[in-house]
Structure formats: structure tokens, C-alpha cells
């Protein structure tokens, strides 16, 4: 009887390899180099993929990248009087391998805005006014300085080694703030907030979430006054306190020059020093 199953196994062995998708094949986009006029800003619009933005000392905007075959519906790099527009549409609806990998070099101090639906955005060594708005893509900012505004409805956001006026907001993703200085505001509804670093001097840090948790690991060299409040979440402050309950804590560390404010509705809060 077993011999009757042999043709079936052979048939299945022929079908399954045919169903396995082939690796994505990428083709290079035509590189673009544009001279920058004094009052110009940059607008990058992309629906899906990966975007790498790098600060550059050269006074030119350079665009390069690669895309999967037959995925690019639109690729425009247009220089107008006050704006450089970079627009790429892939038409990709799923969440498979990125159909586009775009790299943009931007002169320091040139304002830039990124609008995307699902693209992941990575920014590094940028100084100036930056705004990133995405529906579900992840955002990573490393070594940024200036007015930095980051928003992702469902994606994760990470900010590292940055300074200035920093605004990070979302609804569902994780928000990680690592080694930043300046005026930092972080807010989310369902996402968790993680802060790790030094607060001192003129640093003002505000962390807010409705239903996610807040975890803060402060450098022992921090100097700040802090105030933590939760409507119904548990609060654990493992720092010198002036007053504390299971829902609040207030205290001062060092000379108290920096400021930390934490607020949640039902999310738990842990505030402690790094080892």
C-alpha cells in the first residue's frame, strides 16, 4: 500500500520549491545631485521602503538608491525656488522586503521634512530643523541637533546622542530616548517610553503615556528635580525622595538644575539610577 503514496510525495516535492518566492532583485535609481539655494528646504515623500538621511558639509543635495524591479511608479527630484521635492511611489501594499532603499545627503542647517506611510526612516549626523511623519514606519535618529520633531502612529522611534528641542510622539510604538540633551518632550497613548541618560543643567525632559509604561535609567552624574504622577499605575522611585506614594514621587538629585516630569494614566513607572 505504501507504494501508492510515492507519486504524491514526488508531486509535492515539485510543487513546494515552485511556490517559494525568489529573492528580491534590485536595480539602481538614477543618481541626482542638486545645488542648494539659500532659502530652500527639502520635502521627501515616500510610501514604502527604507530611507537613509545623512547630514553633509557639502552644499549639495545628493539622492541615490535602489528599487525592486517594476516597483517604482514615480521617481521625482525637483528643485523649485524655495523647495527641493523628492517623491518616490512604489505602489507596494504588503509588508515584504523593502521595495525601495533611498539615500539622501543633506547640507547642514537645511530644513527637511519626511512624509511616509510605511517607510522606515534613519537619520544620522543631521543639524537643523527636521520633521518626520509616518503612519507605521520606524524612525531612528542618531547624532541630531536642532529642532527635531518625530511622529509615528504605530512604529517605534529611537533617538540617540542628540540635542536641541526634541519632540517625539506616537500612539502604539515603543519610544526610546537615549543620551539626549535640551528640551525633550515624549508622548504616546499605548506605547512604552524608555529613557536612558544624563539630565543636568538646562535639560528639561517630559515623558507622558496614557496606558504604556515609563522606564527611566538616570546616569549617577545627573542633577535634577523630578516629579512623577500616575492616575492608576504603580510608581517606583528608587532615588532620594522628598515625598512619595504608590502613585507619585517628588525629589531632587544633586543640585537639582535639570528637570524631569513624568505622567501616566494607567501605565507603571520605574525611575532609577544606572549601576
C-alpha atoms as a PDB file:
ATOM      1  CA  UNK A   1       0.000   0.000   0.000  1.00  0.00           C
ATOM      2  CA  UNK A   2       2.851   2.403   0.777  1.00  0.00           C
ATOM      3  CA  UNK A   3       3.902   2.478  -2.864  1.00  0.00           C
ATOM      4  CA  UNK A   4       0.747   4.434  -3.741  1.00  0.00           C
ATOM      5  CA  UNK A   5       1.981   7.438  -1.712  1.00  0.00           C
ATOM      6  CA  UNK A   6       5.297   7.745  -3.538  1.00  0.00           C
ATOM      7  CA  UNK A   7       3.914   9.710  -6.527  1.00  0.00           C
ATOM      8  CA  UNK A   8       2.166  12.100  -4.142  1.00  0.00           C
ATOM      9  CA  UNK A   9       5.396  12.861  -2.290  1.00  0.00           C
ATOM     10  CA  UNK A  10       7.184  13.371  -5.579  1.00  0.00           C
ATOM     11  CA  UNK A  11       4.448  15.733  -6.719  1.00  0.00           C
ATOM     12  CA  UNK A  12       4.569  17.753  -3.506  1.00  0.00           C
ATOM     13  CA  UNK A  13       8.332  17.955  -3.753  1.00  0.00           C
ATOM     14  CA  UNK A  14       7.948  19.522  -7.189  1.00  0.00           C
ATOM     15  CA  UNK A  15       5.252  21.967  -6.145  1.00  0.00           C
ATOM     16  CA  UNK A  16       6.764  23.432  -2.925  1.00  0.00           C
ATOM     17  CA  UNK A  17      10.019  24.733  -4.487  1.00  0.00           C
ATOM     18  CA  UNK A  18       7.959  26.388  -7.194  1.00  0.00           C
ATOM     19  CA  UNK A  19       5.908  28.183  -4.523  1.00  0.00           C
ATOM     20  CA  UNK A  20       8.996  29.585  -2.799  1.00  0.00           C
ATOM     21  CA  UNK A  21       9.418  33.243  -3.734  1.00  0.00           C
ATOM     22  CA  UNK A  22      12.639  34.258  -5.428  1.00  0.00           C
ATOM     23  CA  UNK A  23      14.930  36.774  -3.719  1.00  0.00           C
ATOM     24  CA  UNK A  24      14.149  40.411  -4.461  1.00  0.00           C
ATOM     25  CA  UNK A  25      16.251  41.809  -7.324  1.00  0.00           C
ATOM     26  CA  UNK A  26      17.240  45.468  -7.011  1.00  0.00           C
ATOM     27  CA  UNK A  27      18.086  47.953  -9.741  1.00  0.00           C
ATOM     28  CA  UNK A  28      19.852  51.285  -9.211  1.00  0.00           C
ATOM     29  CA  UNK A  29      17.901  54.517  -9.324  1.00  0.00           C
ATOM     30  CA  UNK A  30      19.354  57.309 -11.399  1.00  0.00           C
ATOM     31  CA  UNK A  31      21.535  59.388  -9.018  1.00  0.00           C
ATOM     32  CA  UNK A  32      20.640  63.063  -8.639  1.00  0.00           C
ATOM     33  CA  UNK A  33      22.854  65.957  -7.488  1.00  0.00           C
ATOM     34  CA  UNK A  34      21.355  69.408  -6.918  1.00  0.00           C
ATOM     35  CA  UNK A  35      22.961  72.692  -5.916  1.00  0.00           C
ATOM     36  CA  UNK A  36      21.274  74.330  -2.942  1.00  0.00           C
ATOM     37  CA  UNK A  37      19.944  77.875  -2.884  1.00  0.00           C
ATOM     38  CA  UNK A  38      19.902  79.826   0.362  1.00  0.00           C
ATOM     39  CA  UNK A  39      16.193  79.677   1.236  1.00  0.00           C
ATOM     40  CA  UNK A  40      15.397  76.155   0.076  1.00  0.00           C
ATOM     41  CA  UNK A  41      14.076  73.321   2.220  1.00  0.00           C
ATOM     42  CA  UNK A  42      13.609  69.629   1.418  1.00  0.00           C
ATOM     43  CA  UNK A  43      10.417  67.585   1.292  1.00  0.00           C
ATOM     44  CA  UNK A  44      10.776  63.803   0.967  1.00  0.00           C
ATOM     45  CA  UNK A  45       7.602  61.848   0.181  1.00  0.00           C
ATOM     46  CA  UNK A  46       7.738  58.048   0.002  1.00  0.00           C
ATOM     47  CA  UNK A  47       5.105  55.382   0.576  1.00  0.00           C
ATOM     48  CA  UNK A  48       7.079  52.243   1.471  1.00  0.00           C
ATOM     49  CA  UNK A  49      10.716  51.195   1.845  1.00  0.00           C
ATOM     50  CA  UNK A  50      13.789  52.436   3.697  1.00  0.00           C
ATOM     51  CA  UNK A  51      15.160  55.979   3.776  1.00  0.00           C
ATOM     52  CA  UNK A  52      18.639  56.937   4.991  1.00  0.00           C
ATOM     53  CA  UNK A  53      19.242  60.670   5.560  1.00  0.00           C
ATOM     54  CA  UNK A  54      22.792  61.830   6.226  1.00  0.00           C
ATOM     55  CA  UNK A  55      23.953  65.294   7.178  1.00  0.00           C
ATOM     56  CA  UNK A  56      26.686  66.621   4.897  1.00  0.00           C
ATOM     57  CA  UNK A  57      29.034  69.617   4.927  1.00  0.00           C
ATOM     58  CA  UNK A  58      28.850  69.888   1.131  1.00  0.00           C
ATOM     59  CA  UNK A  59      26.309  72.439  -0.134  1.00  0.00           C
ATOM     60  CA  UNK A  60      24.592  69.957  -2.392  1.00  0.00           C
ATOM     61  CA  UNK A  61      21.706  67.530  -2.121  1.00  0.00           C
ATOM     62  CA  UNK A  62      22.598  64.065  -3.353  1.00  0.00           C
ATOM     63  CA  UNK A  63      19.987  61.374  -3.945  1.00  0.00           C
ATOM     64  CA  UNK A  64      20.694  57.741  -4.747  1.00  0.00           C
ATOM     65  CA  UNK A  65      19.159  54.356  -4.103  1.00  0.00           C
ATOM     66  CA  UNK A  66      17.856  51.124  -5.475  1.00  0.00           C
ATOM     67  CA  UNK A  67      14.455  49.577  -6.024  1.00  0.00           C
ATOM     68  CA  UNK A  68      12.978  46.210  -6.859  1.00  0.00           C
ATOM     69  CA  UNK A  69      12.149  45.713 -10.500  1.00  0.00           C
ATOM     70  CA  UNK A  70       8.859  47.163 -11.721  1.00  0.00           C
ATOM     71  CA  UNK A  71       8.012  48.586  -8.286  1.00  0.00           C
ATOM     72  CA  UNK A  72       8.668  52.290  -8.855  1.00  0.00           C
ATOM     73  CA  UNK A  73       5.568  54.080 -10.068  1.00  0.00           C
ATOM     74  CA  UNK A  74       7.039  57.550  -9.579  1.00  0.00           C
ATOM     75  CA  UNK A  75      10.545  58.927  -9.023  1.00  0.00           C
ATOM     76  CA  UNK A  76      10.940  62.703  -8.983  1.00  0.00           C
ATOM     77  CA  UNK A  77      13.686  65.017  -7.771  1.00  0.00           C
ATOM     78  CA  UNK A  78      12.579  68.581  -8.477  1.00  0.00           C
ATOM     79  CA  UNK A  79      14.239  71.849  -7.470  1.00  0.00           C
ATOM     80  CA  UNK A  80      11.928  74.826  -7.109  1.00  0.00           C
ATOM     81  CA  UNK A  81      12.579  78.337  -5.855  1.00  0.00           C
ATOM     82  CA  UNK A  82      12.118  77.545  -2.161  1.00  0.00           C
ATOM     83  CA  UNK A  83      11.826  73.731  -2.147  1.00  0.00           C
ATOM     84  CA  UNK A  84      13.562  70.572  -3.268  1.00  0.00           C
ATOM     85  CA  UNK A  85      10.962  67.827  -3.678  1.00  0.00           C
ATOM     86  CA  UNK A  86      11.971  64.168  -3.598  1.00  0.00           C
ATOM     87  CA  UNK A  87       8.982  61.949  -4.311  1.00  0.00           C
ATOM     88  CA  UNK A  88       9.046  58.171  -4.738  1.00  0.00           C
ATOM     89  CA  UNK A  89       5.996  55.936  -5.016  1.00  0.00           C
ATOM     90  CA  UNK A  90       6.360  52.155  -5.050  1.00  0.00           C
ATOM     91  CA  UNK A  91       2.753  51.019  -5.098  1.00  0.00           C
ATOM     92  CA  UNK A  92       3.706  48.201  -2.734  1.00  0.00           C
ATOM     93  CA  UNK A  93       0.799  47.251  -0.493  1.00  0.00           C
ATOM     94  CA  UNK A  94       2.280  44.406   1.543  1.00  0.00           C
ATOM     95  CA  UNK A  95       4.954  44.327   4.220  1.00  0.00           C
ATOM     96  CA  UNK A  96       7.522  42.100   2.496  1.00  0.00           C
ATOM     97  CA  UNK A  97      11.115  43.076   1.734  1.00  0.00           C
ATOM     98  CA  UNK A  98      11.560  46.820   1.243  1.00  0.00           C
ATOM     99  CA  UNK A  99      10.822  47.689  -2.400  1.00  0.00           C
ATOM    100  CA  UNK A 100      12.975  50.810  -2.124  1.00  0.00           C
ATOM    101  CA  UNK A 101      16.202  51.833  -0.420  1.00  0.00           C
ATOM    102  CA  UNK A 102      16.737  55.569  -0.722  1.00  0.00           C
ATOM    103  CA  UNK A 103      19.795  57.551   0.464  1.00  0.00           C
ATOM    104  CA  UNK A 104      19.729  61.339   0.719  1.00  0.00           C
ATOM    105  CA  UNK A 105      22.673  63.566   1.689  1.00  0.00           C
ATOM    106  CA  UNK A 106      21.550  66.942   3.046  1.00  0.00           C
ATOM    107  CA  UNK A 107      23.642  70.044   3.836  1.00  0.00           C
ATOM    108  CA  UNK A 108      23.745  71.055   7.491  1.00  0.00           C
ATOM    109  CA  UNK A 109      21.123  73.607   8.557  1.00  0.00           C
ATOM    110  CA  UNK A 110      18.872  72.843   5.590  1.00  0.00           C
ATOM    111  CA  UNK A 111      15.312  72.200   6.837  1.00  0.00           C
ATOM    112  CA  UNK A 112      13.924  68.788   5.898  1.00  0.00           C
ATOM    113  CA  UNK A 113      10.538  67.130   6.210  1.00  0.00           C
ATOM    114  CA  UNK A 114       9.781  63.447   5.562  1.00  0.00           C
ATOM    115  CA  UNK A 115       6.246  62.222   4.878  1.00  0.00           C
ATOM    116  CA  UNK A 116       5.657  58.484   4.539  1.00  0.00           C
ATOM    117  CA  UNK A 117       3.107  55.753   5.083  1.00  0.00           C
ATOM    118  CA  UNK A 118       5.180  52.670   5.902  1.00  0.00           C
ATOM    119  CA  UNK A 119       8.810  53.503   5.191  1.00  0.00           C
ATOM    120  CA  UNK A 120      11.457  53.163   7.899  1.00  0.00           C
ATOM    121  CA  UNK A 121      13.483  56.358   8.272  1.00  0.00           C
ATOM    122  CA  UNK A 122      17.047  56.548   9.609  1.00  0.00           C
ATOM    123  CA  UNK A 123      18.697  59.951  10.133  1.00  0.00           C
ATOM    124  CA  UNK A 124      22.310  60.419  11.171  1.00  0.00           C
ATOM    125  CA  UNK A 125      24.635  63.398  11.787  1.00  0.00           C
ATOM    126  CA  UNK A 126      21.970  65.959  10.907  1.00  0.00           C
ATOM    127  CA  UNK A 127      21.848  69.543  12.208  1.00  0.00           C
ATOM    128  CA  UNK A 128      18.858  71.772  11.586  1.00  0.00           C
ATOM    129  CA  UNK A 129      15.068  71.650  11.543  1.00  0.00           C
ATOM    130  CA  UNK A 130      13.822  68.110  10.990  1.00  0.00           C
ATOM    131  CA  UNK A 131      10.263  66.762  10.834  1.00  0.00           C
ATOM    132  CA  UNK A 132       9.361  63.114  10.190  1.00  0.00           C
ATOM    133  CA  UNK A 133       5.748  61.962   9.913  1.00  0.00           C
ATOM    134  CA  UNK A 134       4.958  58.277   9.314  1.00  0.00           C
ATOM    135  CA  UNK A 135       1.904  56.060   9.769  1.00  0.00           C
ATOM    136  CA  UNK A 136       3.589  52.776  10.652  1.00  0.00           C
ATOM    137  CA  UNK A 137       7.284  53.067   9.834  1.00  0.00           C
ATOM    138  CA  UNK A 138      10.083  53.046  12.401  1.00  0.00           C
ATOM    139  CA  UNK A 139      12.210  56.167  12.941  1.00  0.00           C
ATOM    140  CA  UNK A 140      15.807  56.240  14.157  1.00  0.00           C
ATOM    141  CA  UNK A 141      17.728  59.459  14.785  1.00  0.00           C
ATOM    142  CA  UNK A 142      21.407  59.352  15.741  1.00  0.00           C
ATOM    143  CA  UNK A 143      23.550  62.421  16.459  1.00  0.00           C
ATOM    144  CA  UNK A 144      20.936  65.005  15.576  1.00  0.00           C
ATOM    145  CA  UNK A 145      20.932  68.637  16.713  1.00  0.00           C
ATOM    146  CA  UNK A 146      18.304  71.326  16.284  1.00  0.00           C
ATOM    147  CA  UNK A 147      14.529  71.374  16.234  1.00  0.00           C
ATOM    148  CA  UNK A 148      13.706  67.677  15.850  1.00  0.00           C
ATOM    149  CA  UNK A 149      10.075  66.559  15.514  1.00  0.00           C
ATOM    150  CA  UNK A 150       9.307  62.857  15.082  1.00  0.00           C
ATOM    151  CA  UNK A 151       5.891  61.210  14.800  1.00  0.00           C
ATOM    152  CA  UNK A 152       4.876  57.603  14.088  1.00  0.00           C
ATOM    153  CA  UNK A 153       1.383  56.301  14.724  1.00  0.00           C
ATOM    154  CA  UNK A 154       2.284  52.594  15.013  1.00  0.00           C
ATOM    155  CA  UNK A 155       6.040  52.421  14.510  1.00  0.00           C
ATOM    156  CA  UNK A 156       8.902  52.553  17.016  1.00  0.00           C
ATOM    157  CA  UNK A 157      11.013  55.688  17.469  1.00  0.00           C
ATOM    158  CA  UNK A 158      14.587  55.792  18.779  1.00  0.00           C
ATOM    159  CA  UNK A 159      16.614  58.956  19.410  1.00  0.00           C
ATOM    160  CA  UNK A 160      20.278  58.667  20.373  1.00  0.00           C
ATOM    161  CA  UNK A 161      23.045  61.146  21.187  1.00  0.00           C
ATOM    162  CA  UNK A 162      21.007  64.160  20.113  1.00  0.00           C
ATOM    163  CA  UNK A 163      20.313  67.648  21.420  1.00  0.00           C
ATOM    164  CA  UNK A 164      18.078  70.661  20.920  1.00  0.00           C
ATOM    165  CA  UNK A 165      14.305  70.928  21.007  1.00  0.00           C
ATOM    166  CA  UNK A 166      13.190  67.324  20.594  1.00  0.00           C
ATOM    167  CA  UNK A 167       9.556  66.270  20.206  1.00  0.00           C
ATOM    168  CA  UNK A 168       8.748  62.542  19.935  1.00  0.00           C
ATOM    169  CA  UNK A 169       5.171  61.290  19.713  1.00  0.00           C
ATOM    170  CA  UNK A 170       3.178  58.221  18.729  1.00  0.00           C
ATOM    171  CA  UNK A 171       0.204  56.091  19.629  1.00  0.00           C
ATOM    172  CA  UNK A 172       1.274  52.434  19.780  1.00  0.00           C
ATOM    173  CA  UNK A 173       5.007  52.026  19.193  1.00  0.00           C
ATOM    174  CA  UNK A 174       7.912  51.999  21.638  1.00  0.00           C
ATOM    175  CA  UNK A 175       9.670  55.357  22.156  1.00  0.00           C
ATOM    176  CA  UNK A 176      13.329  55.141  23.211  1.00  0.00           C
ATOM    177  CA  UNK A 177      15.301  58.230  24.203  1.00  0.00           C
ATOM    178  CA  UNK A 178      18.982  57.557  24.801  1.00  0.00           C
ATOM    179  CA  UNK A 179      21.575  60.161  25.814  1.00  0.00           C
ATOM    180  CA  UNK A 180      19.834  63.363  24.734  1.00  0.00           C
ATOM    181  CA  UNK A 181      20.090  66.938  25.991  1.00  0.00           C
ATOM    182  CA  UNK A 182      17.921  70.035  25.723  1.00  0.00           C
ATOM    183  CA  UNK A 183      14.151  70.431  25.779  1.00  0.00           C
ATOM    184  CA  UNK A 184      12.758  66.927  25.243  1.00  0.00           C
ATOM    185  CA  UNK A 185       9.068  66.050  25.091  1.00  0.00           C
ATOM    186  CA  UNK A 186       7.864  62.457  24.631  1.00  0.00           C
ATOM    187  CA  UNK A 187       4.217  61.407  24.489  1.00  0.00           C
ATOM    188  CA  UNK A 188       2.219  58.328  23.485  1.00  0.00           C
ATOM    189  CA  UNK A 189      -1.120  56.666  24.187  1.00  0.00           C
ATOM    190  CA  UNK A 190      -0.454  52.915  24.234  1.00  0.00           C
ATOM    191  CA  UNK A 191       3.301  52.755  23.669  1.00  0.00           C
ATOM    192  CA  UNK A 192       6.064  52.319  26.222  1.00  0.00           C
ATOM    193  CA  UNK A 193       8.626  55.050  26.931  1.00  0.00           C
ATOM    194  CA  UNK A 194      12.264  54.266  27.707  1.00  0.00           C
ATOM    195  CA  UNK A 195      14.725  56.961  28.784  1.00  0.00           C
ATOM    196  CA  UNK A 196      18.391  56.308  29.474  1.00  0.00           C
ATOM    197  CA  UNK A 197      20.969  59.010  30.051  1.00  0.00           C
ATOM    198  CA  UNK A 198      22.080  62.141  31.867  1.00  0.00           C
ATOM    199  CA  UNK A 199      19.856  65.035  32.915  1.00  0.00           C
ATOM    200  CA  UNK A 200      21.516  68.178  34.225  1.00  0.00           C
ATOM    201  CA  UNK A 201      21.967  71.903  33.639  1.00  0.00           C
ATOM    202  CA  UNK A 202      19.253  73.331  31.400  1.00  0.00           C
ATOM    203  CA  UNK A 203      17.841  69.941  30.410  1.00  0.00           C
ATOM    204  CA  UNK A 204      14.047  69.764  30.529  1.00  0.00           C
ATOM    205  CA  UNK A 205      12.582  66.284  29.981  1.00  0.00           C
ATOM    206  CA  UNK A 206       8.860  65.484  29.871  1.00  0.00           C
ATOM    207  CA  UNK A 207       7.680  61.873  29.462  1.00  0.00           C
ATOM    208  CA  UNK A 208       3.965  61.102  29.071  1.00  0.00           C
ATOM    209  CA  UNK A 209       1.948  57.988  28.243  1.00  0.00           C
ATOM    210  CA  UNK A 210      -1.642  57.047  28.899  1.00  0.00           C
ATOM    211  CA  UNK A 211      -1.534  53.257  29.122  1.00  0.00           C
ATOM    212  CA  UNK A 212       2.055  52.276  28.392  1.00  0.00           C
ATOM    213  CA  UNK A 213       4.882  52.086  30.904  1.00  0.00           C
ATOM    214  CA  UNK A 214       7.731  54.530  31.549  1.00  0.00           C
ATOM    215  CA  UNK A 215      11.194  53.261  32.420  1.00  0.00           C
ATOM    216  CA  UNK A 216      13.940  55.742  33.304  1.00  0.00           C
ATOM    217  CA  UNK A 217      17.586  54.880  33.956  1.00  0.00           C
ATOM    218  CA  UNK A 218      19.458  58.005  35.010  1.00  0.00           C
ATOM    219  CA  UNK A 219      23.204  58.441  34.970  1.00  0.00           C
ATOM    220  CA  UNK A 220      24.548  58.816  38.542  1.00  0.00           C
ATOM    221  CA  UNK A 221      26.052  62.146  37.450  1.00  0.00           C
ATOM    222  CA  UNK A 222      22.572  63.582  36.855  1.00  0.00           C
ATOM    223  CA  UNK A 223      21.487  66.721  38.684  1.00  0.00           C
ATOM    224  CA  UNK A 224      17.765  67.411  38.593  1.00  0.00           C
ATOM    225  CA  UNK A 225      14.470  67.861  40.328  1.00  0.00           C
ATOM    226  CA  UNK A 226      11.819  65.355  39.365  1.00  0.00           C
ATOM    227  CA  UNK A 227       8.102  64.872  39.684  1.00  0.00           C
ATOM    228  CA  UNK A 228       6.240  61.662  38.827  1.00  0.00           C
ATOM    229  CA  UNK A 229       2.470  61.209  38.769  1.00  0.00           C
ATOM    230  CA  UNK A 230       0.184  58.365  37.649  1.00  0.00           C
ATOM    231  CA  UNK A 231      -3.592  58.230  37.899  1.00  0.00           C
ATOM    232  CA  UNK A 232      -3.817  54.478  38.480  1.00  0.00           C
ATOM    233  CA  UNK A 233      -0.417  52.999  37.602  1.00  0.00           C
ATOM    234  CA  UNK A 234       2.224  51.876  40.096  1.00  0.00           C
ATOM    235  CA  UNK A 235       5.149  54.262  40.645  1.00  0.00           C
ATOM    236  CA  UNK A 236       8.562  53.065  41.851  1.00  0.00           C
ATOM    237  CA  UNK A 237      11.119  55.805  42.520  1.00  0.00           C
ATOM    238  CA  UNK A 238      14.486  54.425  43.594  1.00  0.00           C
ATOM    239  CA  UNK A 239      16.025  57.872  44.113  1.00  0.00           C
ATOM    240  CA  UNK A 240      16.263  60.300  47.050  1.00  0.00           C
ATOM    241  CA  UNK A 241      12.682  61.495  47.537  1.00  0.00           C
ATOM    242  CA  UNK A 242      11.011  64.383  49.284  1.00  0.00           C
ATOM    243  CA  UNK A 243       7.642  62.664  49.208  1.00  0.00           C
ATOM    244  CA  UNK A 244       6.260  59.537  47.578  1.00  0.00           C
ATOM    245  CA  UNK A 245       3.213  57.272  47.342  1.00  0.00           C
ATOM    246  CA  UNK A 246       2.343  54.313  45.132  1.00  0.00           C
ATOM    247  CA  UNK A 247       1.107  56.869  42.540  1.00  0.00           C
ATOM    248  CA  UNK A 248       3.502  59.816  42.921  1.00  0.00           C
ATOM    249  CA  UNK A 249       7.002  60.816  43.880  1.00  0.00           C
ATOM    250  CA  UNK A 250       8.861  64.105  44.098  1.00  0.00           C
ATOM    251  CA  UNK A 251      12.540  64.607  44.775  1.00  0.00           C
ATOM    252  CA  UNK A 252      15.890  66.183  43.968  1.00  0.00           C
ATOM    253  CA  UNK A 253      19.129  64.646  42.794  1.00  0.00           C
ATOM    254  CA  UNK A 254      22.365  66.577  43.122  1.00  0.00           C
ATOM    255  CA  UNK A 255      21.998  70.346  42.807  1.00  0.00           C
ATOM    256  CA  UNK A 256      18.653  69.942  41.040  1.00  0.00           C
ATOM    257  CA  UNK A 257      19.395  72.117  37.993  1.00  0.00           C
ATOM    258  CA  UNK A 258      17.773  69.826  35.409  1.00  0.00           C
ATOM    259  CA  UNK A 259      14.079  68.948  35.289  1.00  0.00           C
ATOM    260  CA  UNK A 260      12.234  65.657  34.785  1.00  0.00           C
ATOM    261  CA  UNK A 261       8.455  65.354  34.619  1.00  0.00           C
ATOM    262  CA  UNK A 262       6.680  62.008  34.162  1.00  0.00           C
ATOM    263  CA  UNK A 263       2.936  61.464  33.787  1.00  0.00           C
ATOM    264  CA  UNK A 264       0.849  58.356  33.044  1.00  0.00           C
ATOM    265  CA  UNK A 265      -2.796  57.403  33.314  1.00  0.00           C
ATOM    266  CA  UNK A 266      -2.577  53.666  33.980  1.00  0.00           C
ATOM    267  CA  UNK A 267       0.997  52.915  32.975  1.00  0.00           C
ATOM    268  CA  UNK A 268       3.600  51.839  35.532  1.00  0.00           C
ATOM    269  CA  UNK A 269       6.683  54.000  36.180  1.00  0.00           C
ATOM    270  CA  UNK A 270      10.166  52.920  37.218  1.00  0.00           C
ATOM    271  CA  UNK A 271      12.741  55.627  37.986  1.00  0.00           C
ATOM    272  CA  UNK A 272      16.234  54.546  38.987  1.00  0.00           C
ATOM    273  CA  UNK A 273      19.956  55.189  38.606  1.00  0.00           C
ATOM    274  CA  UNK A 274      22.058  53.122  36.244  1.00  0.00           C
ATOM    275  CA  UNK A 275      24.555  50.836  38.013  1.00  0.00           C
END
